């Protein structure tokens, strides 16, 4: 069974940094292991729907939500099976619950529009989230 476990959330002041991690397990025994897969980060606040923030494919191609470009960096360590999201120059509007997500049979890195349109239907697996709070 594939599981995703996020960590690294916390409370910071505006302008600060956080590095989120997502530990991935269970892929080696998954029947879809031989298919390419993409990883992504979503975030959600109580008053907004879940929002796609960043994505990466197996070739390390990346895409970002416009509002986080130049501030966030998504990366993956395939040996350690960890997905990271380095978040710098944080703003209060970056606050929310951050979820990592995995989608099988994904070769080209998806656009944020595609991820947003599909929403909860984009990934095959979700993590449980890690909370980020940015104060002004």
Protein backbone atom coordinates (compact mmCIF):
# COMPACT_ATOMS: atom_id res chain seq x y z
CA UNK A 1 0.00 0.00 0.00
CA UNK A 2 1.36 3.38 -1.01
CA UNK A 3 1.54 5.90 1.82
CA UNK A 4 2.60 9.53 1.83
CA UNK A 5 3.59 11.23 5.08
CA UNK A 6 4.23 14.97 5.18
CA UNK A 7 6.37 16.79 7.71
CA UNK A 8 8.08 20.12 8.18
CA UNK A 9 5.13 22.42 8.67
CA UNK A 10 5.07 25.05 11.38
CA UNK A 11 4.58 28.70 12.24
CA UNK A 12 6.84 31.39 10.83
CA UNK A 13 6.79 35.11 10.32
CA UNK A 14 6.38 36.62 6.89
CA UNK A 15 9.64 36.50 4.99
CA UNK A 16 10.71 33.29 6.66
CA UNK A 17 11.30 29.84 5.22
CA UNK A 18 10.07 26.31 5.71
CA UNK A 19 11.03 23.05 4.05
CA UNK A 20 8.25 20.51 3.71
CA UNK A 21 9.02 16.84 3.15
CA UNK A 22 6.87 13.96 2.03
CA UNK A 23 8.09 10.43 2.71
CA UNK A 24 6.81 7.92 0.19
CA UNK A 25 6.57 4.22 0.95
CA UNK A 26 5.00 1.14 -0.54
CA UNK A 27 5.88 1.87 -4.16
CA UNK A 28 8.16 -1.13 -4.56
CA UNK A 29 5.23 -3.49 -4.05
CA UNK A 30 2.71 -1.47 -6.02
CA UNK A 31 1.59 -2.99 -9.36
CA UNK A 32 1.99 0.43 -11.01
CA UNK A 33 5.64 0.80 -9.96
CA UNK A 34 6.88 0.36 -13.51
CA UNK A 35 4.77 3.29 -14.76
CA UNK A 36 6.07 6.85 -14.62
CA UNK A 37 4.54 8.95 -11.89
CA UNK A 38 4.32 12.60 -10.95
CA UNK A 39 4.34 14.18 -7.52
CA UNK A 40 2.72 17.39 -6.43
CA UNK A 41 1.88 19.67 -3.55
CA UNK A 42 -1.57 21.10 -2.88
CA UNK A 43 -2.67 23.46 -0.13
CA UNK A 44 -6.02 24.27 1.42
CA UNK A 45 -7.50 26.76 3.84
CA UNK A 46 -10.96 26.52 5.43
CA UNK A 47 -12.37 29.19 3.14
CA UNK A 48 -10.87 28.01 -0.16
CA UNK A 49 -10.88 24.87 -2.23
CA UNK A 50 -7.73 22.78 -2.45
CA UNK A 51 -5.15 24.60 -4.61
CA UNK A 52 -2.36 23.07 -6.68
CA UNK A 53 0.98 24.63 -5.75
CA UNK A 54 3.76 22.70 -7.51
CA UNK A 55 4.41 19.52 -9.46
CA UNK A 56 7.37 17.45 -10.64
CA UNK A 57 7.68 14.49 -12.99
CA UNK A 58 10.18 11.69 -13.31
CA UNK A 59 12.54 13.83 -15.39
CA UNK A 60 12.55 16.55 -12.71
CA UNK A 61 10.56 18.92 -14.87
CA UNK A 62 8.64 21.26 -12.61
CA UNK A 63 5.70 23.64 -12.66
CA UNK A 64 4.44 26.11 -10.09
CA UNK A 65 1.44 28.18 -9.16
CA UNK A 66 2.13 31.71 -10.40
CA UNK A 67 2.00 33.21 -6.93
CA UNK A 68 4.80 30.97 -5.63
CA UNK A 69 7.18 31.09 -8.61
CA UNK A 70 10.63 32.22 -7.55
CA UNK A 71 9.85 31.53 -3.88
CA UNK A 72 9.06 27.79 -3.77
CA UNK A 73 11.19 24.92 -5.09
CA UNK A 74 9.90 21.38 -5.52
CA UNK A 75 12.37 18.52 -5.69
CA UNK A 76 12.43 14.76 -5.35
CA UNK A 77 15.01 12.32 -4.02
CA UNK A 78 14.28 9.05 -5.76
CA UNK A 79 16.82 7.11 -3.73
CA UNK A 80 15.32 8.18 -0.42
CA UNK A 81 11.79 8.34 -1.85
CA UNK A 82 11.23 11.84 -0.50
CA UNK A 83 9.46 14.79 -2.07
CA UNK A 84 10.47 18.24 -0.84
CA UNK A 85 9.02 21.72 -1.06
CA UNK A 86 11.41 24.49 -0.08
CA UNK A 87 9.38 27.58 0.69
CA UNK A 88 11.17 30.91 0.98
CA UNK A 89 9.98 34.49 1.44
CA UNK A 90 6.74 33.18 2.87
CA UNK A 91 3.65 35.35 2.91
CA UNK A 92 0.54 35.15 5.10
CA UNK A 93 -1.46 34.02 2.07
CA UNK A 94 0.77 30.92 1.89
CA UNK A 95 -0.80 29.66 5.10
CA UNK A 96 -2.79 26.47 4.92
CA UNK A 97 -2.68 22.72 5.13
CA UNK A 98 -0.17 21.37 2.63
CA UNK A 99 -0.73 17.95 1.09
CA UNK A 100 1.57 15.90 -1.09
CA UNK A 101 0.06 13.83 -3.86
CA UNK A 102 1.11 11.11 -6.29
CA UNK A 103 -0.33 10.29 -9.69
CA UNK A 104 0.64 7.20 -11.67
CA UNK A 105 0.83 7.00 -15.46
CA UNK A 106 2.07 10.57 -15.53
CA UNK A 107 4.92 11.36 -17.89
CA UNK A 108 4.81 15.08 -18.68
CA UNK A 109 4.69 17.43 -15.71
CA UNK A 110 1.09 18.61 -15.35
CA UNK A 111 0.07 22.23 -15.49
CA UNK A 112 -1.47 23.80 -12.41
CA UNK A 113 -4.68 24.28 -14.42
CA UNK A 114 -4.96 20.55 -15.04
CA UNK A 115 -4.25 19.73 -11.42
CA UNK A 116 -6.71 22.36 -10.25
CA UNK A 117 -9.44 21.24 -12.63
CA UNK A 118 -9.12 17.63 -11.59
CA UNK A 119 -8.69 18.59 -7.96
CA UNK A 120 -9.09 15.60 -5.68
CA UNK A 121 -9.32 13.38 -8.78
CA UNK A 122 -5.76 14.23 -9.90
CA UNK A 123 -3.77 12.04 -7.55
CA UNK A 124 -4.06 8.35 -6.89
CA UNK A 125 -2.67 8.86 -3.42
CA UNK A 126 -2.75 11.72 -0.87
CA UNK A 127 -0.89 12.39 2.32
CA UNK A 128 -2.66 13.60 5.45
CA UNK A 129 -1.18 17.08 5.34
CA UNK A 130 1.10 19.34 7.34
CA UNK A 131 0.01 22.76 8.62
CA UNK A 132 1.78 25.97 7.62
CA UNK A 133 1.00 29.24 9.37
CA UNK A 134 2.62 32.49 8.26
CA UNK A 135 2.04 35.54 10.41
CA UNK A 136 2.42 39.13 9.25
